[in-house]
Amino acid sequence: MAQGRKRQLVVGLVGQVCAGKSTVAHAFRRQGATVWDADQAVHELYTRPDVAAQVRALFGPDVLDEQGGVDRVALGRLVFSDPAQLKRLTAEVIFPRAHAVLDAELARFRASGGEVLLLDAPTLIEAGQAGLCDQVVFVSACFSRRQKWSQARGWKAGELEKREACMLDEERKRRVATASIHNDGTLDDVEAQAAKLLAAWGLDRNREREEEHDDGPGKH
């Protein structure tokens, strides 16, 4: 019997600061998901002349580099020291443009016929885009591990807490989330949790691979 169109699932990924969301995203990618990296998309936005011009108008020339582009380190130092400035940056510069980029990515995903699109977007809820998702996964890790990862990024003591204070309250994120992954174990642990969620959502990757093998040209 001919099968109908495969189900397409959009999954949002949020969580604690420095909880290893990129590791979780990689685990879903290994399970066959397409991953949209919001941080990478924002980095690309910062290379645009119109964005640099607006950032300069809002925050002054000190957040630009010698070439006139956005100095992300200087800008981050400013906005993560002042929640009001961070809100201004996201609301006026980032979110409106990121919405258009994400809309285009969703259109590509729908046209591709892919099964899972993972939105690795730390500010998904703040941007009002959680409603685009069929599922939202909250990623957590113990504080000592998150602190270690923040230090590996070159963050100074207290930077993790400062950035966390600027973000949406953790409990509000947990209330929006429909599932969770705890990232205190090994990479295998994370992959097992990702596979378990996909199976719970009706996308058992192991079973599908077995079915594809059984239906292959070598079947008698």
N, C-alpha and C. Protein backbone atom coordinates (compact mmCIF):
# COMPACT_ATOMS: atom_id res chain seq x y z
N MET A 1 0.86 -1.19 0.00
CA MET A 1 0.00 0.00 0.00
C MET A 1 0.89 1.24 0.00
N ALA A 2 0.55 2.21 -0.82
CA ALA A 2 1.37 3.42 -0.89
C ALA A 2 1.24 4.20 0.40
N GLN A 3 2.35 4.70 0.85
CA GLN A 3 2.35 5.47 2.09
C GLN A 3 2.03 6.92 1.78
N GLY A 4 1.36 7.60 2.75
CA GLY A 4 1.06 9.01 2.59
C GLY A 4 2.29 9.86 2.87
N ARG A 5 2.09 11.15 2.81
CA ARG A 5 3.18 12.09 3.05
C ARG A 5 3.70 11.93 4.47
N LYS A 6 5.02 11.91 4.64
CA LYS A 6 5.59 11.75 5.97
C LYS A 6 5.28 12.96 6.84
N ARG A 7 5.13 12.70 8.12
CA ARG A 7 4.90 13.76 9.08
C ARG A 7 6.14 14.64 9.20
N GLN A 8 5.95 15.95 9.25
CA GLN A 8 7.06 16.88 9.44
C GLN A 8 6.92 17.53 10.81
N LEU A 9 7.99 17.45 11.60
CA LEU A 9 7.96 17.90 12.98
C LEU A 9 8.95 19.05 13.17
N VAL A 10 8.48 20.14 13.78
CA VAL A 10 9.35 21.27 14.11
C VAL A 10 9.57 21.26 15.62
N VAL A 11 10.83 21.20 16.02
CA VAL A 11 11.20 21.10 17.44
C VAL A 11 12.04 22.29 17.83
N GLY A 12 11.64 22.98 18.90
CA GLY A 12 12.42 24.10 19.42
C GLY A 12 13.35 23.63 20.52
N LEU A 13 14.52 24.23 20.61
CA LEU A 13 15.51 23.87 21.62
C LEU A 13 15.86 25.11 22.43
N VAL A 14 15.53 25.06 23.73
CA VAL A 14 15.84 26.16 24.64
C VAL A 14 16.51 25.57 25.87
N GLY A 15 16.84 26.41 26.85
CA GLY A 15 17.42 25.85 28.06
C GLY A 15 18.26 26.84 28.84
N GLN A 16 19.01 26.30 29.79
CA GLN A 16 19.87 27.12 30.62
C GLN A 16 21.06 27.63 29.81
N VAL A 17 21.64 28.73 30.25
CA VAL A 17 22.83 29.27 29.60
C VAL A 17 23.99 28.29 29.81
N CYS A 18 24.70 27.99 28.73
CA CYS A 18 25.86 27.08 28.77
C CYS A 18 25.51 25.67 29.24
N ALA A 19 24.32 25.21 28.87
CA ALA A 19 23.93 23.84 29.23
C ALA A 19 24.28 22.84 28.15
N GLY A 20 24.90 23.30 27.06
CA GLY A 20 25.29 22.38 25.99
C GLY A 20 24.21 22.13 24.96
N LYS A 21 23.46 23.19 24.59
CA LYS A 21 22.40 23.02 23.60
C LYS A 21 22.96 22.59 22.25
N SER A 22 24.17 23.05 21.91
CA SER A 22 24.76 22.64 20.63
C SER A 22 25.06 21.15 20.61
N THR A 23 25.42 20.59 21.77
CA THR A 23 25.65 19.15 21.88
C THR A 23 24.35 18.39 21.64
N VAL A 24 23.28 18.89 22.23
CA VAL A 24 21.97 18.26 22.04
C VAL A 24 21.53 18.39 20.58
N ALA A 25 21.77 19.54 19.98
CA ALA A 25 21.42 19.73 18.57
C ALA A 25 22.17 18.74 17.70
N HIS A 26 23.45 18.52 18.02
CA HIS A 26 24.24 17.56 17.25
C HIS A 26 23.67 16.15 17.39
N ALA A 27 23.19 15.82 18.60
CA ALA A 27 22.60 14.50 18.82
C ALA A 27 21.37 14.31 17.95
N PHE A 28 20.54 15.34 17.83
CA PHE A 28 19.37 15.26 16.97
C PHE A 28 19.78 15.19 15.50
N ARG A 29 20.83 15.91 15.14
CA ARG A 29 21.31 15.85 13.76
C ARG A 29 21.75 14.44 13.41
N ARG A 30 22.43 13.77 14.33
CA ARG A 30 22.86 12.39 14.10
C ARG A 30 21.67 11.44 13.97
N GLN A 31 20.51 11.86 14.50
CA GLN A 31 19.30 11.06 14.37
C GLN A 31 18.53 11.42 13.09
N GLY A 32 19.10 12.32 12.28
CA GLY A 32 18.49 12.64 11.00
C GLY A 32 17.80 13.99 10.92
N ALA A 33 17.83 14.78 12.00
CA ALA A 33 17.16 16.07 11.99
C ALA A 33 17.96 17.11 11.22
N THR A 34 17.24 18.05 10.62
CA THR A 34 17.86 19.25 10.07
C THR A 34 17.92 20.27 11.20
N VAL A 35 19.07 20.93 11.37
CA VAL A 35 19.24 21.87 12.49
C VAL A 35 19.40 23.29 11.96
N TRP A 36 18.59 24.20 12.51
CA TRP A 36 18.75 25.63 12.24
C TRP A 36 19.38 26.27 13.47
N ASP A 37 20.56 26.86 13.29
CA ASP A 37 21.33 27.44 14.38
C ASP A 37 21.05 28.94 14.43
N ALA A 38 20.28 29.36 15.43
CA ALA A 38 19.90 30.77 15.53
C ALA A 38 21.11 31.65 15.80
N ASP A 39 22.06 31.17 16.61
CA ASP A 39 23.25 31.97 16.90
C ASP A 39 24.03 32.25 15.62
N GLN A 40 24.17 31.22 14.77
CA GLN A 40 24.88 31.41 13.51
C GLN A 40 24.13 32.39 12.62
N ALA A 41 22.82 32.30 12.62
CA ALA A 41 22.01 33.22 11.82
C ALA A 41 22.20 34.66 12.28
N VAL A 42 22.28 34.86 13.61
CA VAL A 42 22.48 36.20 14.15
C VAL A 42 23.88 36.71 13.80
N HIS A 43 24.88 35.83 13.89
CA HIS A 43 26.23 36.22 13.51
C HIS A 43 26.27 36.71 12.06
N GLU A 44 25.54 36.03 11.21
CA GLU A 44 25.49 36.44 9.81
C GLU A 44 24.77 37.78 9.65
N LEU A 45 23.75 38.01 10.48
CA LEU A 45 23.06 39.30 10.43
C LEU A 45 24.01 40.44 10.77
N TYR A 46 24.90 40.20 11.72
CA TYR A 46 25.81 41.25 12.16
C TYR A 46 26.80 41.67 11.05
N THR A 47 26.95 40.86 10.02
CA THR A 47 27.85 41.22 8.92
C THR A 47 27.17 42.14 7.91
N ARG A 48 25.86 42.35 8.05
CA ARG A 48 25.13 43.16 7.09
C ARG A 48 25.30 44.65 7.39
N PRO A 49 25.55 45.47 6.37
CA PRO A 49 25.72 46.91 6.57
C PRO A 49 24.53 47.59 7.24
N ASP A 50 23.30 47.15 6.88
CA ASP A 50 22.13 47.79 7.48
C ASP A 50 22.04 47.52 8.97
N VAL A 51 22.48 46.32 9.38
CA VAL A 51 22.47 45.98 10.80
C VAL A 51 23.54 46.79 11.54
N ALA A 52 24.74 46.88 10.97
CA ALA A 52 25.81 47.66 11.59
C ALA A 52 25.39 49.12 11.75
N ALA A 53 24.72 49.66 10.74
CA ALA A 53 24.28 51.06 10.81
C ALA A 53 23.25 51.26 11.92
N GLN A 54 22.33 50.31 12.06
CA GLN A 54 21.32 50.46 13.10
C GLN A 54 21.92 50.27 14.49
N VAL A 55 22.84 49.32 14.61
CA VAL A 55 23.51 49.09 15.90
C VAL A 55 24.28 50.35 16.31
N ARG A 56 24.98 50.98 15.37
CA ARG A 56 25.70 52.22 15.67
C ARG A 56 24.73 53.31 16.12
N ALA A 57 23.60 53.43 15.43
CA ALA A 57 22.64 54.46 15.77
C ALA A 57 22.06 54.26 17.18
N LEU A 58 21.90 52.99 17.57
CA LEU A 58 21.31 52.69 18.87
C LEU A 58 22.31 52.74 20.02
N PHE A 59 23.54 52.26 19.75
CA PHE A 59 24.48 52.05 20.85
C PHE A 59 25.79 52.82 20.72
N GLY A 60 25.96 53.55 19.61
CA GLY A 60 27.16 54.36 19.45
C GLY A 60 28.29 53.63 18.74
N PRO A 61 29.34 54.37 18.39
CA PRO A 61 30.44 53.81 17.59
C PRO A 61 31.35 52.83 18.34
N ASP A 62 31.28 52.80 19.67
CA ASP A 62 32.18 51.94 20.43
C ASP A 62 31.90 50.45 20.26
N VAL A 63 30.73 50.12 19.69
CA VAL A 63 30.40 48.70 19.50
C VAL A 63 30.70 48.26 18.07
N LEU A 64 31.44 49.08 17.31
CA LEU A 64 31.86 48.72 15.97
C LEU A 64 33.37 48.49 15.94
N ASP A 65 33.82 47.64 15.01
CA ASP A 65 35.25 47.40 14.87
C ASP A 65 35.86 48.43 13.93
N GLU A 66 37.15 48.27 13.65
CA GLU A 66 37.86 49.25 12.83
C GLU A 66 37.34 49.31 11.40
N GLN A 67 36.72 48.22 10.94
CA GLN A 67 36.17 48.18 9.58
C GLN A 67 34.73 48.70 9.52
N GLY A 68 34.19 49.07 10.65
CA GLY A 68 32.83 49.57 10.68
C GLY A 68 31.78 48.50 10.87
N GLY A 69 32.23 47.26 11.09
CA GLY A 69 31.29 46.17 11.36
C GLY A 69 30.99 46.07 12.84
N VAL A 70 30.03 45.23 13.17
CA VAL A 70 29.65 45.05 14.58
C VAL A 70 30.73 44.26 15.31
N ASP A 71 31.21 44.81 16.42
CA ASP A 71 32.13 44.11 17.31
C ASP A 71 31.28 43.36 18.32
N ARG A 72 31.08 42.07 18.08
CA ARG A 72 30.15 41.30 18.91
C ARG A 72 30.59 41.22 20.37
N VAL A 73 31.90 41.22 20.61
CA VAL A 73 32.39 41.17 21.99
C VAL A 73 32.02 42.46 22.72
N ALA A 74 32.28 43.60 22.07
CA ALA A 74 31.97 44.89 22.69
C ALA A 74 30.46 45.06 22.87
N LEU A 75 29.70 44.63 21.86
CA LEU A 75 28.24 44.74 21.96
C LEU A 75 27.71 43.84 23.07
N GLY A 76 28.24 42.61 23.15
CA GLY A 76 27.81 41.69 24.20
C GLY A 76 28.13 42.22 25.58
N ARG A 77 29.30 42.84 25.73
CA ARG A 77 29.70 43.40 27.02
C ARG A 77 28.71 44.48 27.46
N LEU A 78 28.25 45.26 26.47
CA LEU A 78 27.31 46.33 26.78
C LEU A 78 25.93 45.79 27.14
N VAL A 79 25.36 44.95 26.27
CA VAL A 79 23.96 44.56 26.47
C VAL A 79 23.77 43.57 27.61
N PHE A 80 24.78 42.73 27.88
CA PHE A 80 24.62 41.78 28.97
C PHE A 80 24.92 42.40 30.32
N SER A 81 25.27 43.68 30.32
CA SER A 81 25.41 44.42 31.57
C SER A 81 24.17 45.26 31.85
N ASP A 82 23.24 45.29 30.91
CA ASP A 82 22.05 46.12 31.03
C ASP A 82 20.88 45.45 30.32
N PRO A 83 20.00 44.78 31.05
CA PRO A 83 18.87 44.08 30.43
C PRO A 83 18.02 44.97 29.52
N ALA A 84 17.93 46.25 29.84
CA ALA A 84 17.13 47.15 28.99
C ALA A 84 17.78 47.31 27.62
N GLN A 85 19.10 47.36 27.60
CA GLN A 85 19.81 47.48 26.32
C GLN A 85 19.70 46.18 25.53
N LEU A 86 19.75 45.05 26.22
CA LEU A 86 19.60 43.76 25.53
C LEU A 86 18.21 43.67 24.91
N LYS A 87 17.21 44.09 25.64
CA LYS A 87 15.84 44.06 25.11
C LYS A 87 15.73 44.97 23.89
N ARG A 88 16.39 46.10 23.94
CA ARG A 88 16.37 47.03 22.81
C ARG A 88 17.02 46.41 21.58
N LEU A 89 18.15 45.77 21.78
CA LEU A 89 18.86 45.12 20.67
C LEU A 89 18.00 44.04 20.03
N THR A 90 17.45 43.17 20.86
CA THR A 90 16.68 42.05 20.31
C THR A 90 15.39 42.51 19.66
N ALA A 91 14.68 43.42 20.32
CA ALA A 91 13.38 43.84 19.81
C ALA A 91 13.48 44.68 18.55
N GLU A 92 14.49 45.53 18.46
CA GLU A 92 14.58 46.47 17.34
C GLU A 92 15.49 46.00 16.20
N VAL A 93 16.49 45.18 16.54
CA VAL A 93 17.47 44.80 15.52
C VAL A 93 17.36 43.32 15.14
N ILE A 94 17.42 42.46 16.13
CA ILE A 94 17.58 41.03 15.87
C ILE A 94 16.27 40.33 15.52
N PHE A 95 15.29 40.40 16.40
CA PHE A 95 14.08 39.61 16.20
C PHE A 95 13.37 39.88 14.88
N PRO A 96 13.17 41.13 14.47
CA PRO A 96 12.46 41.34 13.19
C PRO A 96 13.17 40.68 12.00
N ARG A 97 14.50 40.76 11.96
CA ARG A 97 15.24 40.17 10.85
C ARG A 97 15.32 38.65 10.99
N ALA A 98 15.49 38.17 12.21
CA ALA A 98 15.58 36.72 12.43
C ALA A 98 14.26 36.04 12.08
N HIS A 99 13.14 36.73 12.30
CA HIS A 99 11.85 36.15 11.93
C HIS A 99 11.80 35.85 10.44
N ALA A 100 12.30 36.79 9.63
CA ALA A 100 12.29 36.60 8.18
C ALA A 100 13.20 35.45 7.77
N VAL A 101 14.36 35.35 8.42
CA VAL A 101 15.30 34.26 8.11
C VAL A 101 14.68 32.92 8.48
N LEU A 102 14.02 32.86 9.63
CA LEU A 102 13.40 31.61 10.06
C LEU A 102 12.23 31.23 9.16
N ASP A 103 11.45 32.20 8.76
CA ASP A 103 10.34 31.91 7.84
C ASP A 103 10.85 31.24 6.57
N ALA A 104 11.98 31.74 6.06
CA ALA A 104 12.56 31.16 4.85
C ALA A 104 13.05 29.74 5.12
N GLU A 105 13.63 29.51 6.30
CA GLU A 105 14.11 28.17 6.65
C GLU A 105 12.94 27.20 6.78
N LEU A 106 11.86 27.63 7.39
CA LEU A 106 10.67 26.78 7.51
C LEU A 106 10.10 26.42 6.14
N ALA A 107 10.11 27.39 5.23
CA ALA A 107 9.60 27.12 3.87
C ALA A 107 10.47 26.09 3.18
N ARG A 108 11.80 26.20 3.34
CA ARG A 108 12.71 25.22 2.74
C ARG A 108 12.47 23.83 3.33
N PHE A 109 12.26 23.79 4.64
CA PHE A 109 12.02 22.51 5.30
C PHE A 109 10.74 21.86 4.80
N ARG A 110 9.67 22.63 4.71
CA ARG A 110 8.40 22.08 4.23
C ARG A 110 8.54 21.54 2.81
N ALA A 111 9.28 22.27 1.98
CA ALA A 111 9.44 21.85 0.58
C ALA A 111 10.35 20.64 0.46
N SER A 112 11.28 20.47 1.40
CA SER A 112 12.25 19.38 1.32
C SER A 112 11.65 18.02 1.62
N GLY A 113 10.55 18.01 2.36
CA GLY A 113 9.96 16.74 2.76
C GLY A 113 10.69 16.10 3.93
N GLY A 114 11.62 16.83 4.56
CA GLY A 114 12.32 16.31 5.72
C GLY A 114 11.38 16.04 6.88
N GLU A 115 11.81 15.21 7.80
CA GLU A 115 10.92 14.81 8.90
C GLU A 115 11.04 15.70 10.13
N VAL A 116 12.25 16.14 10.47
CA VAL A 116 12.45 16.90 11.70
C VAL A 116 13.31 18.13 11.43
N LEU A 117 12.80 19.30 11.83
CA LEU A 117 13.59 20.52 11.81
C LEU A 117 13.77 20.95 13.26
N LEU A 118 15.02 21.02 13.71
CA LEU A 118 15.31 21.44 15.08
C LEU A 118 15.75 22.90 15.06
N LEU A 119 15.05 23.74 15.81
CA LEU A 119 15.40 25.15 15.92
C LEU A 119 16.23 25.34 17.18
N ASP A 120 17.55 25.43 17.00
CA ASP A 120 18.47 25.66 18.12
C ASP A 120 18.47 27.16 18.37
N ALA A 121 17.51 27.62 19.17
CA ALA A 121 17.25 29.05 19.31
C ALA A 121 17.05 29.39 20.79
N PRO A 122 18.10 29.85 21.47
CA PRO A 122 18.02 30.14 22.90
C PRO A 122 16.92 31.13 23.28
N THR A 123 16.61 32.10 22.39
CA THR A 123 15.58 33.09 22.69
C THR A 123 14.29 32.83 21.91
N LEU A 124 14.04 31.58 21.62
CA LEU A 124 12.84 31.19 20.87
C LEU A 124 11.57 31.72 21.53
N ILE A 125 11.49 31.58 22.85
CA ILE A 125 10.28 31.99 23.57
C ILE A 125 10.18 33.51 23.63
N GLU A 126 11.31 34.17 23.93
CA GLU A 126 11.31 35.63 23.99
C GLU A 126 10.92 36.24 22.65
N ALA A 127 11.30 35.58 21.56
CA ALA A 127 11.00 36.08 20.22
C ALA A 127 9.57 35.79 19.80
N GLY A 128 8.81 35.09 20.64
CA GLY A 128 7.42 34.77 20.31
C GLY A 128 7.26 33.71 19.25
N GLN A 129 8.29 32.81 19.13
CA GLN A 129 8.26 31.82 18.06
C GLN A 129 8.02 30.39 18.54
N ALA A 130 7.76 30.24 19.83
CA ALA A 130 7.51 28.89 20.34
C ALA A 130 6.28 28.27 19.69
N GLY A 131 5.34 29.11 19.28
CA GLY A 131 4.12 28.62 18.65
C GLY A 131 4.35 27.98 17.30
N LEU A 132 5.53 28.20 16.71
CA LEU A 132 5.87 27.57 15.44
C LEU A 132 6.23 26.10 15.62
N CYS A 133 6.47 25.71 16.86
CA CYS A 133 7.02 24.37 17.14
C CYS A 133 5.94 23.38 17.56
N ASP A 134 6.14 22.14 17.11
CA ASP A 134 5.28 21.06 17.58
C ASP A 134 5.70 20.58 18.96
N GLN A 135 7.00 20.68 19.24
CA GLN A 135 7.57 20.30 20.53
C GLN A 135 8.65 21.32 20.91
N VAL A 136 8.83 21.54 22.19
CA VAL A 136 9.90 22.41 22.69
C VAL A 136 10.67 21.64 23.76
N VAL A 137 11.98 21.51 23.55
CA VAL A 137 12.84 20.75 24.47
C VAL A 137 13.66 21.71 25.32
N PHE A 138 13.63 21.49 26.63
CA PHE A 138 14.42 22.30 27.57
C PHE A 138 15.68 21.52 27.95
N VAL A 139 16.85 22.14 27.74
CA VAL A 139 18.14 21.51 28.05
C VAL A 139 18.69 22.07 29.34
N SER A 140 19.09 21.19 30.24
CA SER A 140 19.64 21.62 31.52
C SER A 140 20.93 20.87 31.82
N ALA A 141 21.72 21.42 32.73
CA ALA A 141 22.94 20.78 33.21
C ALA A 141 23.24 21.36 34.58
N CYS A 142 24.02 20.66 35.39
CA CYS A 142 24.34 21.16 36.72
C CYS A 142 25.19 22.43 36.60
N PHE A 143 25.13 23.27 37.63
CA PHE A 143 25.80 24.57 37.56
C PHE A 143 27.31 24.42 37.39
N SER A 144 27.92 23.46 38.07
CA SER A 144 29.38 23.32 37.98
C SER A 144 29.81 23.00 36.55
N ARG A 145 29.01 22.19 35.87
CA ARG A 145 29.35 21.85 34.49
C ARG A 145 29.13 23.05 33.57
N ARG A 146 28.07 23.79 33.79
CA ARG A 146 27.81 24.97 32.97
C ARG A 146 28.90 26.03 33.21
N GLN A 147 29.34 26.14 34.43
CA GLN A 147 30.41 27.09 34.75
C GLN A 147 31.71 26.69 34.04
N LYS A 148 31.99 25.41 34.02
CA LYS A 148 33.19 24.91 33.33
C LYS A 148 33.11 25.23 31.84
N TRP A 149 31.94 25.03 31.23
CA TRP A 149 31.78 25.31 29.80
C TRP A 149 31.87 26.80 29.53
N SER A 150 31.37 27.63 30.45
CA SER A 150 31.45 29.08 30.26
C SER A 150 32.91 29.53 30.30
N GLN A 151 33.70 28.92 31.18
CA GLN A 151 35.13 29.26 31.26
C GLN A 151 35.86 28.84 30.00
N ALA A 152 35.42 27.71 29.41
CA ALA A 152 36.03 27.25 28.15
C ALA A 152 35.75 28.24 27.02
N ARG A 153 34.67 28.99 27.14
CA ARG A 153 34.35 30.02 26.15
C ARG A 153 35.15 31.30 26.36
N GLY A 154 35.86 31.35 27.48
CA GLY A 154 36.62 32.55 27.79
C GLY A 154 35.87 33.56 28.64
N TRP A 155 34.73 33.17 29.18
CA TRP A 155 33.96 34.07 30.02
C TRP A 155 34.63 34.24 31.37
N LYS A 156 34.61 35.45 31.90
CA LYS A 156 35.18 35.73 33.20
C LYS A 156 34.24 35.28 34.31
N ALA A 157 34.77 35.21 35.52
CA ALA A 157 33.96 34.81 36.67
C ALA A 157 32.76 35.75 36.79
N GLY A 158 31.58 35.18 36.98
CA GLY A 158 30.37 35.96 37.13
C GLY A 158 29.63 36.22 35.84
N GLU A 159 30.28 35.95 34.69
CA GLU A 159 29.63 36.23 33.40
C GLU A 159 28.44 35.32 33.17
N LEU A 160 28.54 34.06 33.57
CA LEU A 160 27.43 33.13 33.39
C LEU A 160 26.20 33.63 34.14
N GLU A 161 26.38 34.01 35.39
CA GLU A 161 25.26 34.49 36.19
C GLU A 161 24.69 35.79 35.61
N LYS A 162 25.57 36.66 35.12
CA LYS A 162 25.13 37.93 34.55
C LYS A 162 24.26 37.70 33.32
N ARG A 163 24.71 36.79 32.46
CA ARG A 163 23.93 36.53 31.24
C ARG A 163 22.62 35.84 31.56
N GLU A 164 22.66 34.95 32.54
CA GLU A 164 21.45 34.23 32.91
C GLU A 164 20.40 35.21 33.46
N ALA A 165 20.87 36.22 34.19
CA ALA A 165 19.95 37.20 34.76
C ALA A 165 19.26 38.03 33.69
N CYS A 166 19.87 38.11 32.52
CA CYS A 166 19.29 38.89 31.41
C CYS A 166 18.30 38.09 30.59
N MET A 167 18.29 36.77 30.78
CA MET A 167 17.44 35.91 29.97
C MET A 167 16.08 35.69 30.63
N LEU A 168 15.17 35.11 29.87
CA LEU A 168 13.85 34.79 30.39
C LEU A 168 13.98 33.84 31.57
N ASP A 169 13.15 34.02 32.58
CA ASP A 169 13.19 33.19 33.78
C ASP A 169 13.11 31.70 33.42
N GLU A 170 13.98 30.91 34.05
CA GLU A 170 14.07 29.48 33.72
C GLU A 170 12.75 28.76 33.90
N GLU A 171 12.03 29.07 34.95
CA GLU A 171 10.77 28.37 35.20
C GLU A 171 9.74 28.64 34.11
N ARG A 172 9.77 29.84 33.54
CA ARG A 172 8.85 30.13 32.43
C ARG A 172 9.21 29.30 31.21
N LYS A 173 10.50 29.10 30.97
CA LYS A 173 10.92 28.25 29.86
C LYS A 173 10.47 26.81 30.09
N ARG A 174 10.63 26.34 31.32
CA ARG A 174 10.23 24.96 31.63
C ARG A 174 8.73 24.77 31.44
N ARG A 175 7.95 25.79 31.74
CA ARG A 175 6.50 25.66 31.58
C ARG A 175 6.10 25.58 30.11
N VAL A 176 6.84 26.27 29.25
CA VAL A 176 6.55 26.22 27.81
C VAL A 176 7.01 24.90 27.20
N ALA A 177 8.12 24.37 27.72
CA ALA A 177 8.70 23.15 27.16
C ALA A 177 7.76 21.96 27.29
N THR A 178 7.82 21.08 26.30
CA THR A 178 7.01 19.86 26.31
C THR A 178 7.86 18.63 26.64
N ALA A 179 9.19 18.82 26.68
CA ALA A 179 10.10 17.72 26.98
C ALA A 179 11.41 18.31 27.50
N SER A 180 12.28 17.46 28.02
CA SER A 180 13.55 17.95 28.55
C SER A 180 14.66 16.94 28.29
N ILE A 181 15.89 17.47 28.25
CA ILE A 181 17.09 16.65 28.16
C ILE A 181 18.07 17.17 29.20
N HIS A 182 18.61 16.27 30.02
CA HIS A 182 19.59 16.66 31.03
C HIS A 182 20.97 16.30 30.51
N ASN A 183 21.84 17.28 30.44
CA ASN A 183 23.13 17.12 29.79
C ASN A 183 24.27 17.05 30.80
N ASP A 184 24.17 16.11 31.73
CA ASP A 184 25.24 15.93 32.72
C ASP A 184 26.04 14.66 32.49
N GLY A 185 25.64 13.88 31.49
CA GLY A 185 26.32 12.61 31.25
C GLY A 185 27.24 12.66 30.05
N THR A 186 27.32 11.54 29.36
CA THR A 186 28.17 11.43 28.17
C THR A 186 27.39 11.81 26.92
N LEU A 187 28.11 11.87 25.80
CA LEU A 187 27.44 12.13 24.52
C LEU A 187 26.46 11.01 24.19
N ASP A 188 26.82 9.79 24.55
CA ASP A 188 25.91 8.66 24.33
C ASP A 188 24.62 8.83 25.11
N ASP A 189 24.73 9.37 26.33
CA ASP A 189 23.54 9.62 27.14
C ASP A 189 22.61 10.62 26.45
N VAL A 190 23.20 11.67 25.91
CA VAL A 190 22.41 12.70 25.23
C VAL A 190 21.74 12.12 23.98
N GLU A 191 22.49 11.33 23.21
CA GLU A 191 21.92 10.72 22.01
C GLU A 191 20.78 9.77 22.36
N ALA A 192 20.93 9.04 23.46
CA ALA A 192 19.87 8.12 23.87
C ALA A 192 18.61 8.89 24.26
N GLN A 193 18.77 10.02 24.92
CA GLN A 193 17.62 10.84 25.29
C GLN A 193 16.94 11.42 24.04
N ALA A 194 17.75 11.85 23.07
CA ALA A 194 17.19 12.38 21.83
C ALA A 194 16.40 11.30 21.08
N ALA A 195 16.98 10.11 21.01
CA ALA A 195 16.32 9.00 20.31
C ALA A 195 15.01 8.62 21.01
N LYS A 196 15.02 8.67 22.34
CA LYS A 196 13.82 8.33 23.11
C LYS A 196 12.71 9.33 22.84
N LEU A 197 13.07 10.61 22.74
CA LEU A 197 12.06 11.63 22.44
C LEU A 197 11.49 11.45 21.05
N LEU A 198 12.35 11.21 20.07
CA LEU A 198 11.87 11.00 18.70
C LEU A 198 10.92 9.82 18.62
N ALA A 199 11.25 8.76 19.34
CA ALA A 199 10.37 7.59 19.37
C ALA A 199 9.02 7.93 20.00
N ALA A 200 9.06 8.73 21.08
CA ALA A 200 7.82 9.13 21.75
C ALA A 200 6.96 10.00 20.85
N TRP A 201 7.61 10.73 19.94
CA TRP A 201 6.88 11.59 18.99
C TRP A 201 6.49 10.83 17.73
N GLY A 202 6.70 9.52 17.71
CA GLY A 202 6.30 8.72 16.57
C GLY A 202 7.33 8.63 15.48
N LEU A 203 8.59 8.97 15.81
CA LEU A 203 9.67 8.91 14.83
C LEU A 203 10.78 8.02 15.37
N ASP A 204 10.54 6.73 15.35
CA ASP A 204 11.53 5.76 15.83
C ASP A 204 12.56 5.54 14.75
N ARG A 205 13.72 6.18 14.90
CA ARG A 205 14.73 6.13 13.84
C ARG A 205 15.25 4.71 13.61
N ASN A 206 15.43 3.95 14.68
CA ASN A 206 15.94 2.58 14.52
C ASN A 206 14.96 1.72 13.74
N ARG A 207 13.66 1.86 14.08
CA ARG A 207 12.65 1.06 13.39
C ARG A 207 12.59 1.45 11.91
N GLU A 208 12.67 2.77 11.64
CA GLU A 208 12.58 3.21 10.25
C GLU A 208 13.77 2.72 9.44
N ARG A 209 14.96 2.70 10.06
CA ARG A 209 16.13 2.20 9.33
C ARG A 209 15.96 0.71 9.02
N GLU A 210 15.38 -0.03 9.96
CA GLU A 210 15.16 -1.46 9.74
C GLU A 210 14.16 -1.66 8.60
N GLU A 211 13.09 -0.83 8.58
CA GLU A 211 12.08 -0.96 7.54
C GLU A 211 12.66 -0.63 6.17
N GLU A 212 13.51 0.41 6.13
CA GLU A 212 14.15 0.77 4.86
C GLU A 212 15.03 -0.38 4.37
N HIS A 213 15.72 -1.04 5.29
CA HIS A 213 16.58 -2.17 4.92
C HIS A 213 15.74 -3.33 4.41
N ASP A 214 14.61 -3.60 5.09
CA ASP A 214 13.76 -4.71 4.67
C ASP A 214 13.13 -4.48 3.31
N ASP A 215 12.87 -3.20 2.98
CA ASP A 215 12.23 -2.88 1.71
C ASP A 215 13.21 -2.65 0.59
N GLY A 216 14.48 -2.86 0.85
CA GLY A 216 15.52 -2.59 -0.15
C GLY A 216 15.50 -3.59 -1.27
N PRO A 217 16.34 -3.34 -2.29
CA PRO A 217 16.34 -4.19 -3.50
C PRO A 217 16.74 -5.63 -3.23
N GLY A 218 17.38 -5.88 -2.09
CA GLY A 218 17.82 -7.25 -1.82
C GLY A 218 16.77 -8.10 -1.16
N LYS A 219 15.59 -7.55 -0.87
CA LYS A 219 14.54 -8.32 -0.20
C LYS A 219 13.95 -9.35 -1.16
N HIS A 220 13.70 -10.58 -0.64
CA HIS A 220 13.14 -11.64 -1.47
C HIS A 220 11.70 -11.95 -1.06
